[in-house]
Amino acid sequence: MVKSGLIVGAVMFLFVLGLAATLSPFCALCVPLLTGLGAGYLAGVFDKPLANSDAAKRGAGAGAIAAGLAIFAQIIASVINSLVLQNPQYQLGRIWGAEAVDPAMVWVLQVVFALCIGLMNVGLTAAFGAGGGAIWFSTSGQKQAAAI
């Protein structure tokens, strides 16, 4: 579980950092689908649990570990976004004619938003990780459990 969580966590870290820093912090919510399924499936491959419930639990744990690493990427991306958005000409509201937001408020909102998105990613990745563990058990684990 830990091994697959760390492997997928490194991949998730790169995806979240790239998407949240270049496009939008909302794009980090797209990452848990594939990474969660991958973490859960890899947890099954590495740990080889003998029951579907054990496979789902280990998959959820691996997904949570992976998303825990991705929270750091989300915070780094929020720092990058805050540095860019301190300049009022890059603020979206300013383009539409609204007044510029105070730079201190930009920092606070970016960090709080990063933590919220990061925690949502932990839940989503753990849920998809449980699904990935169940997928592993239905494809490979049943044969293995029957052989024992």
N, C-alpha and C. Protein backbone atom coordinates (compact mmCIF):
# COMPACT_ATOMS: atom_id res chain seq x y z
N MET A 1 0.82 -1.18 0.00
CA MET A 1 0.00 0.00 0.00
C MET A 1 0.88 1.25 0.00
N VAL A 2 1.88 1.28 0.85
CA VAL A 2 2.74 2.46 0.94
C VAL A 2 3.56 2.62 -0.34
N LYS A 3 4.07 1.51 -0.84
CA LYS A 3 4.88 1.55 -2.06
C LYS A 3 4.08 2.10 -3.24
N SER A 4 2.88 1.59 -3.44
CA SER A 4 2.06 2.08 -4.55
C SER A 4 1.61 3.52 -4.31
N GLY A 5 1.34 3.87 -3.06
CA GLY A 5 0.96 5.25 -2.75
C GLY A 5 2.07 6.23 -3.05
N LEU A 6 3.30 5.86 -2.75
CA LEU A 6 4.43 6.75 -3.03
C LEU A 6 4.73 6.86 -4.52
N ILE A 7 4.61 5.74 -5.23
CA ILE A 7 4.85 5.77 -6.68
C ILE A 7 3.82 6.65 -7.37
N VAL A 8 2.56 6.40 -7.09
CA VAL A 8 1.50 7.19 -7.72
C VAL A 8 1.50 8.61 -7.17
N GLY A 9 1.92 8.79 -5.92
CA GLY A 9 2.01 10.12 -5.35
C GLY A 9 3.01 11.00 -6.07
N ALA A 10 4.13 10.40 -6.50
CA ALA A 10 5.11 11.18 -7.27
C ALA A 10 4.53 11.61 -8.61
N VAL A 11 3.80 10.73 -9.26
CA VAL A 11 3.16 11.07 -10.53
C VAL A 11 2.08 12.13 -10.31
N MET A 12 1.29 11.94 -9.28
CA MET A 12 0.22 12.89 -8.97
C MET A 12 0.80 14.26 -8.61
N PHE A 13 1.92 14.27 -7.91
CA PHE A 13 2.59 15.53 -7.56
C PHE A 13 2.91 16.33 -8.82
N LEU A 14 3.48 15.66 -9.80
CA LEU A 14 3.85 16.34 -11.04
C LEU A 14 2.63 16.82 -11.82
N PHE A 15 1.60 15.98 -11.90
CA PHE A 15 0.37 16.38 -12.61
C PHE A 15 -0.30 17.57 -11.94
N VAL A 16 -0.45 17.50 -10.63
CA VAL A 16 -1.13 18.58 -9.91
C VAL A 16 -0.32 19.87 -10.00
N LEU A 17 0.98 19.78 -9.84
CA LEU A 17 1.81 20.97 -9.93
C LEU A 17 1.71 21.60 -11.31
N GLY A 18 1.79 20.79 -12.34
CA GLY A 18 1.71 21.32 -13.70
C GLY A 18 0.36 21.92 -14.03
N LEU A 19 -0.71 21.20 -13.70
CA LEU A 19 -2.04 21.69 -14.04
C LEU A 19 -2.46 22.89 -13.20
N ALA A 20 -2.20 22.84 -11.90
CA ALA A 20 -2.66 23.92 -11.03
C ALA A 20 -1.85 25.19 -11.21
N ALA A 21 -0.59 25.07 -11.59
CA ALA A 21 0.24 26.26 -11.76
C ALA A 21 0.07 26.89 -13.14
N THR A 22 -0.19 26.08 -14.15
CA THR A 22 -0.26 26.64 -15.50
C THR A 22 -1.68 26.97 -15.95
N LEU A 23 -2.64 26.10 -15.63
CA LEU A 23 -4.01 26.33 -16.10
C LEU A 23 -4.88 26.95 -15.01
N SER A 24 -5.22 26.16 -14.02
CA SER A 24 -6.11 26.62 -12.95
C SER A 24 -6.03 25.65 -11.78
N PRO A 25 -6.18 26.13 -10.56
CA PRO A 25 -6.22 25.20 -9.43
C PRO A 25 -7.38 24.21 -9.52
N PHE A 26 -8.45 24.58 -10.22
CA PHE A 26 -9.57 23.65 -10.41
C PHE A 26 -9.16 22.42 -11.21
N CYS A 27 -8.16 22.54 -12.05
CA CYS A 27 -7.73 21.40 -12.88
C CYS A 27 -7.15 20.27 -12.04
N ALA A 28 -6.74 20.57 -10.82
CA ALA A 28 -6.21 19.53 -9.95
C ALA A 28 -7.29 18.53 -9.56
N LEU A 29 -8.55 18.91 -9.69
CA LEU A 29 -9.64 17.99 -9.36
C LEU A 29 -9.83 16.90 -10.41
N CYS A 30 -9.20 17.05 -11.57
CA CYS A 30 -9.30 16.04 -12.62
C CYS A 30 -8.30 14.90 -12.41
N VAL A 31 -7.29 15.14 -11.64
CA VAL A 31 -6.20 14.18 -11.48
C VAL A 31 -6.60 12.92 -10.69
N PRO A 32 -7.44 13.01 -9.66
CA PRO A 32 -7.71 11.82 -8.83
C PRO A 32 -8.32 10.63 -9.56
N LEU A 33 -9.01 10.84 -10.65
CA LEU A 33 -9.67 9.72 -11.32
C LEU A 33 -8.66 8.65 -11.73
N LEU A 34 -7.73 9.01 -12.57
CA LEU A 34 -6.77 8.00 -13.05
C LEU A 34 -5.73 7.63 -12.00
N THR A 35 -5.27 8.61 -11.24
CA THR A 35 -4.25 8.29 -10.24
C THR A 35 -4.82 7.45 -9.10
N GLY A 36 -6.06 7.70 -8.72
CA GLY A 36 -6.67 6.89 -7.68
C GLY A 36 -6.87 5.46 -8.12
N LEU A 37 -7.39 5.28 -9.32
CA LEU A 37 -7.55 3.93 -9.85
C LEU A 37 -6.20 3.23 -9.97
N GLY A 38 -5.20 3.96 -10.42
CA GLY A 38 -3.86 3.38 -10.55
C GLY A 38 -3.27 3.00 -9.20
N ALA A 39 -3.44 3.85 -8.20
CA ALA A 39 -2.91 3.56 -6.87
C ALA A 39 -3.58 2.33 -6.28
N GLY A 40 -4.89 2.23 -6.45
CA GLY A 40 -5.60 1.07 -5.93
C GLY A 40 -5.21 -0.22 -6.64
N TYR A 41 -5.08 -0.14 -7.95
CA TYR A 41 -4.68 -1.33 -8.70
C TYR A 41 -3.26 -1.75 -8.34
N LEU A 42 -2.35 -0.79 -8.24
CA LEU A 42 -0.98 -1.12 -7.85
C LEU A 42 -0.89 -1.67 -6.44
N ALA A 43 -1.73 -1.17 -5.55
CA ALA A 43 -1.75 -1.72 -4.19
C ALA A 43 -2.12 -3.20 -4.22
N GLY A 44 -3.06 -3.55 -5.09
CA GLY A 44 -3.42 -4.96 -5.24
C GLY A 44 -2.28 -5.78 -5.83
N VAL A 45 -1.61 -5.21 -6.80
CA VAL A 45 -0.49 -5.92 -7.43
C VAL A 45 0.64 -6.16 -6.43
N PHE A 46 0.96 -5.14 -5.65
CA PHE A 46 2.08 -5.28 -4.71
C PHE A 46 1.71 -6.08 -3.46
N ASP A 47 0.52 -5.86 -2.90
CA ASP A 47 0.15 -6.48 -1.63
C ASP A 47 -0.55 -7.82 -1.78
N LYS A 48 -1.22 -8.04 -2.90
CA LYS A 48 -1.95 -9.27 -3.19
C LYS A 48 -2.90 -9.68 -2.06
N PRO A 49 -3.88 -8.83 -1.73
CA PRO A 49 -4.84 -9.20 -0.68
C PRO A 49 -5.74 -10.35 -1.13
N LEU A 50 -6.24 -11.11 -0.15
CA LEU A 50 -7.01 -12.31 -0.46
C LEU A 50 -8.52 -12.09 -0.48
N ALA A 51 -8.98 -10.89 -0.12
CA ALA A 51 -10.42 -10.60 -0.12
C ALA A 51 -10.66 -9.27 -0.82
N ASN A 52 -11.84 -9.12 -1.38
CA ASN A 52 -12.18 -7.90 -2.08
C ASN A 52 -12.19 -6.70 -1.13
N SER A 53 -12.67 -6.90 0.09
CA SER A 53 -12.70 -5.80 1.05
C SER A 53 -11.29 -5.36 1.43
N ASP A 54 -10.37 -6.31 1.56
CA ASP A 54 -8.98 -5.95 1.85
C ASP A 54 -8.35 -5.20 0.68
N ALA A 55 -8.67 -5.62 -0.53
CA ALA A 55 -8.13 -4.93 -1.72
C ALA A 55 -8.64 -3.50 -1.79
N ALA A 56 -9.92 -3.31 -1.47
CA ALA A 56 -10.48 -1.96 -1.49
C ALA A 56 -9.88 -1.09 -0.40
N LYS A 57 -9.67 -1.65 0.80
CA LYS A 57 -9.07 -0.89 1.89
C LYS A 57 -7.64 -0.48 1.56
N ARG A 58 -6.88 -1.41 1.03
CA ARG A 58 -5.49 -1.08 0.68
C ARG A 58 -5.43 -0.09 -0.47
N GLY A 59 -6.35 -0.20 -1.41
CA GLY A 59 -6.42 0.76 -2.50
C GLY A 59 -6.77 2.15 -2.02
N ALA A 60 -7.71 2.23 -1.07
CA ALA A 60 -8.07 3.53 -0.51
C ALA A 60 -6.90 4.14 0.26
N GLY A 61 -6.17 3.31 0.98
CA GLY A 61 -4.99 3.81 1.70
C GLY A 61 -3.92 4.31 0.75
N ALA A 62 -3.70 3.56 -0.31
CA ALA A 62 -2.70 3.99 -1.30
C ALA A 62 -3.11 5.29 -1.97
N GLY A 63 -4.40 5.42 -2.27
CA GLY A 63 -4.89 6.66 -2.87
C GLY A 63 -4.74 7.85 -1.93
N ALA A 64 -5.01 7.63 -0.65
CA ALA A 64 -4.87 8.72 0.32
C ALA A 64 -3.41 9.13 0.48
N ILE A 65 -2.50 8.18 0.46
CA ILE A 65 -1.07 8.51 0.55
C ILE A 65 -0.65 9.32 -0.67
N ALA A 66 -1.09 8.89 -1.84
CA ALA A 66 -0.73 9.60 -3.07
C ALA A 66 -1.25 11.03 -3.06
N ALA A 67 -2.50 11.20 -2.65
CA ALA A 67 -3.08 12.55 -2.63
C ALA A 67 -2.47 13.40 -1.53
N GLY A 68 -2.00 12.76 -0.46
CA GLY A 68 -1.31 13.51 0.58
C GLY A 68 -0.05 14.17 0.05
N LEU A 69 0.65 13.48 -0.82
CA LEU A 69 1.83 14.09 -1.46
C LEU A 69 1.43 15.20 -2.42
N ALA A 70 0.28 15.04 -3.04
CA ALA A 70 -0.17 16.04 -4.02
C ALA A 70 -0.60 17.35 -3.35
N ILE A 71 -0.93 17.30 -2.05
CA ILE A 71 -1.27 18.55 -1.36
C ILE A 71 -0.09 19.50 -1.40
N PHE A 72 1.11 18.97 -1.27
CA PHE A 72 2.31 19.82 -1.33
C PHE A 72 2.45 20.48 -2.70
N ALA A 73 2.12 19.74 -3.74
CA ALA A 73 2.16 20.32 -5.09
C ALA A 73 1.11 21.41 -5.24
N GLN A 74 -0.05 21.20 -4.65
CA GLN A 74 -1.11 22.21 -4.72
C GLN A 74 -0.68 23.49 -4.01
N ILE A 75 0.02 23.37 -2.89
CA ILE A 75 0.48 24.55 -2.16
C ILE A 75 1.58 25.27 -2.94
N ILE A 76 2.48 24.51 -3.54
CA ILE A 76 3.52 25.14 -4.37
C ILE A 76 2.89 25.87 -5.55
N ALA A 77 1.89 25.27 -6.16
CA ALA A 77 1.19 25.91 -7.27
C ALA A 77 0.47 27.18 -6.80
N SER A 78 -0.06 27.17 -5.59
CA SER A 78 -0.73 28.37 -5.08
C SER A 78 0.27 29.49 -4.84
N VAL A 79 1.48 29.16 -4.44
CA VAL A 79 2.52 30.18 -4.27
C VAL A 79 2.88 30.78 -5.63
N ILE A 80 3.01 29.93 -6.64
CA ILE A 80 3.31 30.41 -7.99
C ILE A 80 2.18 31.31 -8.49
N ASN A 81 0.94 30.86 -8.30
CA ASN A 81 -0.21 31.66 -8.73
C ASN A 81 -0.28 32.98 -7.98
N SER A 82 0.03 32.96 -6.69
CA SER A 82 -0.01 34.20 -5.90
C SER A 82 1.03 35.19 -6.39
N LEU A 83 2.20 34.69 -6.74
CA LEU A 83 3.25 35.59 -7.25
C LEU A 83 2.82 36.24 -8.56
N VAL A 84 2.13 35.50 -9.40
CA VAL A 84 1.66 36.05 -10.67
C VAL A 84 0.50 37.01 -10.44
N LEU A 85 -0.45 36.61 -9.58
CA LEU A 85 -1.65 37.41 -9.40
C LEU A 85 -1.44 38.66 -8.54
N GLN A 86 -0.27 38.83 -7.96
CA GLN A 86 0.00 40.08 -7.24
C GLN A 86 -0.01 41.27 -8.19
N ASN A 87 0.32 41.01 -9.42
CA ASN A 87 0.30 42.05 -10.43
C ASN A 87 -1.16 42.23 -10.88
N PRO A 88 -1.74 43.41 -10.66
CA PRO A 88 -3.17 43.61 -10.96
C PRO A 88 -3.54 43.39 -12.43
N GLN A 89 -2.61 43.54 -13.34
CA GLN A 89 -2.97 43.37 -14.74
C GLN A 89 -3.30 41.92 -15.09
N TYR A 90 -2.90 40.96 -14.26
CA TYR A 90 -3.19 39.55 -14.51
C TYR A 90 -4.41 39.05 -13.75
N GLN A 91 -5.02 39.89 -12.96
CA GLN A 91 -6.21 39.48 -12.21
C GLN A 91 -7.41 39.47 -13.14
N LEU A 92 -8.16 38.41 -13.08
CA LEU A 92 -9.27 38.20 -14.00
C LEU A 92 -10.36 39.26 -13.84
N GLY A 93 -10.65 39.64 -12.60
CA GLY A 93 -11.66 40.66 -12.38
C GLY A 93 -11.27 42.00 -12.97
N ARG A 94 -10.00 42.28 -12.97
CA ARG A 94 -9.49 43.54 -13.52
C ARG A 94 -9.74 43.59 -15.04
N ILE A 95 -9.62 42.47 -15.70
CA ILE A 95 -9.87 42.40 -17.13
C ILE A 95 -11.32 42.74 -17.44
N TRP A 96 -12.23 42.34 -16.54
CA TRP A 96 -13.66 42.58 -16.74
C TRP A 96 -14.12 43.93 -16.20
N GLY A 97 -13.19 44.74 -15.71
CA GLY A 97 -13.53 46.08 -15.27
C GLY A 97 -13.68 46.23 -13.77
N ALA A 98 -13.50 45.20 -12.98
CA ALA A 98 -13.60 45.31 -11.51
C ALA A 98 -12.28 45.87 -10.96
N GLU A 99 -12.32 46.23 -9.70
CA GLU A 99 -11.11 46.75 -9.08
C GLU A 99 -10.16 45.62 -8.75
N ALA A 100 -8.87 45.96 -8.63
CA ALA A 100 -7.85 44.96 -8.31
C ALA A 100 -7.99 44.50 -6.86
N VAL A 101 -7.63 43.26 -6.62
CA VAL A 101 -7.69 42.67 -5.28
C VAL A 101 -6.35 42.94 -4.59
N ASP A 102 -6.43 43.18 -3.29
CA ASP A 102 -5.24 43.42 -2.49
C ASP A 102 -4.31 42.20 -2.55
N PRO A 103 -2.99 42.40 -2.71
CA PRO A 103 -2.07 41.26 -2.79
C PRO A 103 -2.10 40.34 -1.57
N ALA A 104 -2.34 40.88 -0.38
CA ALA A 104 -2.42 40.03 0.81
C ALA A 104 -3.63 39.10 0.71
N MET A 105 -4.72 39.63 0.19
CA MET A 105 -5.92 38.82 0.02
C MET A 105 -5.70 37.74 -1.04
N VAL A 106 -4.93 38.04 -2.06
CA VAL A 106 -4.59 37.04 -3.08
C VAL A 106 -3.86 35.87 -2.43
N TRP A 107 -2.88 36.16 -1.58
CA TRP A 107 -2.13 35.10 -0.92
C TRP A 107 -3.02 34.24 -0.04
N VAL A 108 -3.85 34.88 0.77
CA VAL A 108 -4.72 34.14 1.68
C VAL A 108 -5.69 33.26 0.90
N LEU A 109 -6.31 33.81 -0.10
CA LEU A 109 -7.28 33.04 -0.88
C LEU A 109 -6.63 31.89 -1.63
N GLN A 110 -5.46 32.11 -2.18
CA GLN A 110 -4.78 31.04 -2.92
C GLN A 110 -4.40 29.89 -2.00
N VAL A 111 -3.87 30.18 -0.82
CA VAL A 111 -3.45 29.11 0.09
C VAL A 111 -4.66 28.37 0.65
N VAL A 112 -5.70 29.09 1.04
CA VAL A 112 -6.91 28.44 1.56
C VAL A 112 -7.55 27.58 0.47
N PHE A 113 -7.62 28.11 -0.73
CA PHE A 113 -8.20 27.37 -1.85
C PHE A 113 -7.36 26.13 -2.15
N ALA A 114 -6.04 26.24 -2.08
CA ALA A 114 -5.17 25.09 -2.33
C ALA A 114 -5.41 24.00 -1.29
N LEU A 115 -5.57 24.37 -0.04
CA LEU A 115 -5.82 23.37 0.99
C LEU A 115 -7.18 22.70 0.80
N CYS A 116 -8.18 23.48 0.43
CA CYS A 116 -9.51 22.90 0.19
C CYS A 116 -9.49 21.92 -0.98
N ILE A 117 -8.89 22.33 -2.07
CA ILE A 117 -8.79 21.44 -3.24
C ILE A 117 -7.95 20.22 -2.90
N GLY A 118 -6.87 20.41 -2.15
CA GLY A 118 -6.02 19.28 -1.76
C GLY A 118 -6.77 18.27 -0.91
N LEU A 119 -7.57 18.75 0.04
CA LEU A 119 -8.34 17.82 0.88
C LEU A 119 -9.43 17.12 0.09
N MET A 120 -10.02 17.82 -0.86
CA MET A 120 -10.99 17.16 -1.74
C MET A 120 -10.31 16.08 -2.56
N ASN A 121 -9.09 16.36 -3.00
CA ASN A 121 -8.33 15.36 -3.77
C ASN A 121 -8.03 14.12 -2.93
N VAL A 122 -7.76 14.30 -1.64
CA VAL A 122 -7.50 13.14 -0.78
C VAL A 122 -8.72 12.24 -0.74
N GLY A 123 -9.89 12.82 -0.53
CA GLY A 123 -11.11 12.02 -0.49
C GLY A 123 -11.42 11.35 -1.81
N LEU A 124 -11.29 12.10 -2.89
CA LEU A 124 -11.59 11.54 -4.21
C LEU A 124 -10.59 10.44 -4.59
N THR A 125 -9.32 10.68 -4.33
CA THR A 125 -8.31 9.69 -4.70
C THR A 125 -8.44 8.43 -3.85
N ALA A 126 -8.79 8.60 -2.58
CA ALA A 126 -9.00 7.42 -1.74
C ALA A 126 -10.22 6.62 -2.24
N ALA A 127 -11.28 7.32 -2.63
CA ALA A 127 -12.46 6.61 -3.14
C ALA A 127 -12.15 5.88 -4.45
N PHE A 128 -11.46 6.56 -5.35
CA PHE A 128 -11.10 5.90 -6.60
C PHE A 128 -10.05 4.81 -6.36
N GLY A 129 -9.21 4.98 -5.35
CA GLY A 129 -8.25 3.94 -4.99
C GLY A 129 -8.94 2.68 -4.52
N ALA A 130 -10.02 2.83 -3.76
CA ALA A 130 -10.81 1.67 -3.34
C ALA A 130 -11.39 0.97 -4.57
N GLY A 131 -11.84 1.77 -5.52
CA GLY A 131 -12.34 1.18 -6.77
C GLY A 131 -11.26 0.47 -7.54
N GLY A 132 -10.06 1.05 -7.57
CA GLY A 132 -8.95 0.40 -8.26
C GLY A 132 -8.55 -0.91 -7.60
N GLY A 133 -8.60 -0.95 -6.26
CA GLY A 133 -8.32 -2.21 -5.56
C GLY A 133 -9.37 -3.26 -5.87
N ALA A 134 -10.63 -2.84 -5.95
CA ALA A 134 -11.71 -3.78 -6.29
C ALA A 134 -11.57 -4.28 -7.73
N ILE A 135 -11.14 -3.39 -8.62
CA ILE A 135 -10.91 -3.81 -10.01
C ILE A 135 -9.80 -4.84 -10.08
N TRP A 136 -8.72 -4.60 -9.32
CA TRP A 136 -7.62 -5.58 -9.31
C TRP A 136 -8.13 -6.92 -8.80
N PHE A 137 -8.91 -6.90 -7.73
CA PHE A 137 -9.38 -8.17 -7.18
C PHE A 137 -10.29 -8.90 -8.15
N SER A 138 -11.12 -8.17 -8.87
CA SER A 138 -12.04 -8.85 -9.79
C SER A 138 -11.32 -9.38 -11.03
N THR A 139 -10.18 -8.79 -11.38
CA THR A 139 -9.47 -9.26 -12.56
C THR A 139 -8.38 -10.28 -12.23
N SER A 140 -7.64 -10.06 -11.18
CA SER A 140 -6.50 -10.94 -10.87
C SER A 140 -6.60 -11.60 -9.51
N GLY A 141 -7.18 -10.92 -8.55
CA GLY A 141 -7.18 -11.40 -7.18
C GLY A 141 -8.02 -12.63 -6.94
N GLN A 142 -9.14 -12.76 -7.64
CA GLN A 142 -10.00 -13.93 -7.43
C GLN A 142 -9.29 -15.21 -7.83
N LYS A 143 -8.57 -15.16 -8.92
CA LYS A 143 -7.82 -16.34 -9.38
C LYS A 143 -6.76 -16.72 -8.35
N GLN A 144 -6.13 -15.70 -7.81
CA GLN A 144 -5.07 -15.92 -6.83
C GLN A 144 -5.64 -16.46 -5.53
N ALA A 145 -6.78 -15.93 -5.09
CA ALA A 145 -7.40 -16.38 -3.84
C ALA A 145 -7.92 -17.82 -3.99
N ALA A 146 -8.42 -18.17 -5.17
CA ALA A 146 -8.91 -19.52 -5.41
C ALA A 146 -7.77 -20.54 -5.45
N ALA A 147 -6.58 -20.11 -5.86
CA ALA A 147 -5.45 -21.01 -5.96
C ALA A 147 -4.91 -21.36 -4.57
N ILE A 148 -5.17 -20.51 -3.61
CA ILE A 148 -4.63 -20.76 -2.26
C ILE A 148 -5.56 -21.60 -1.49
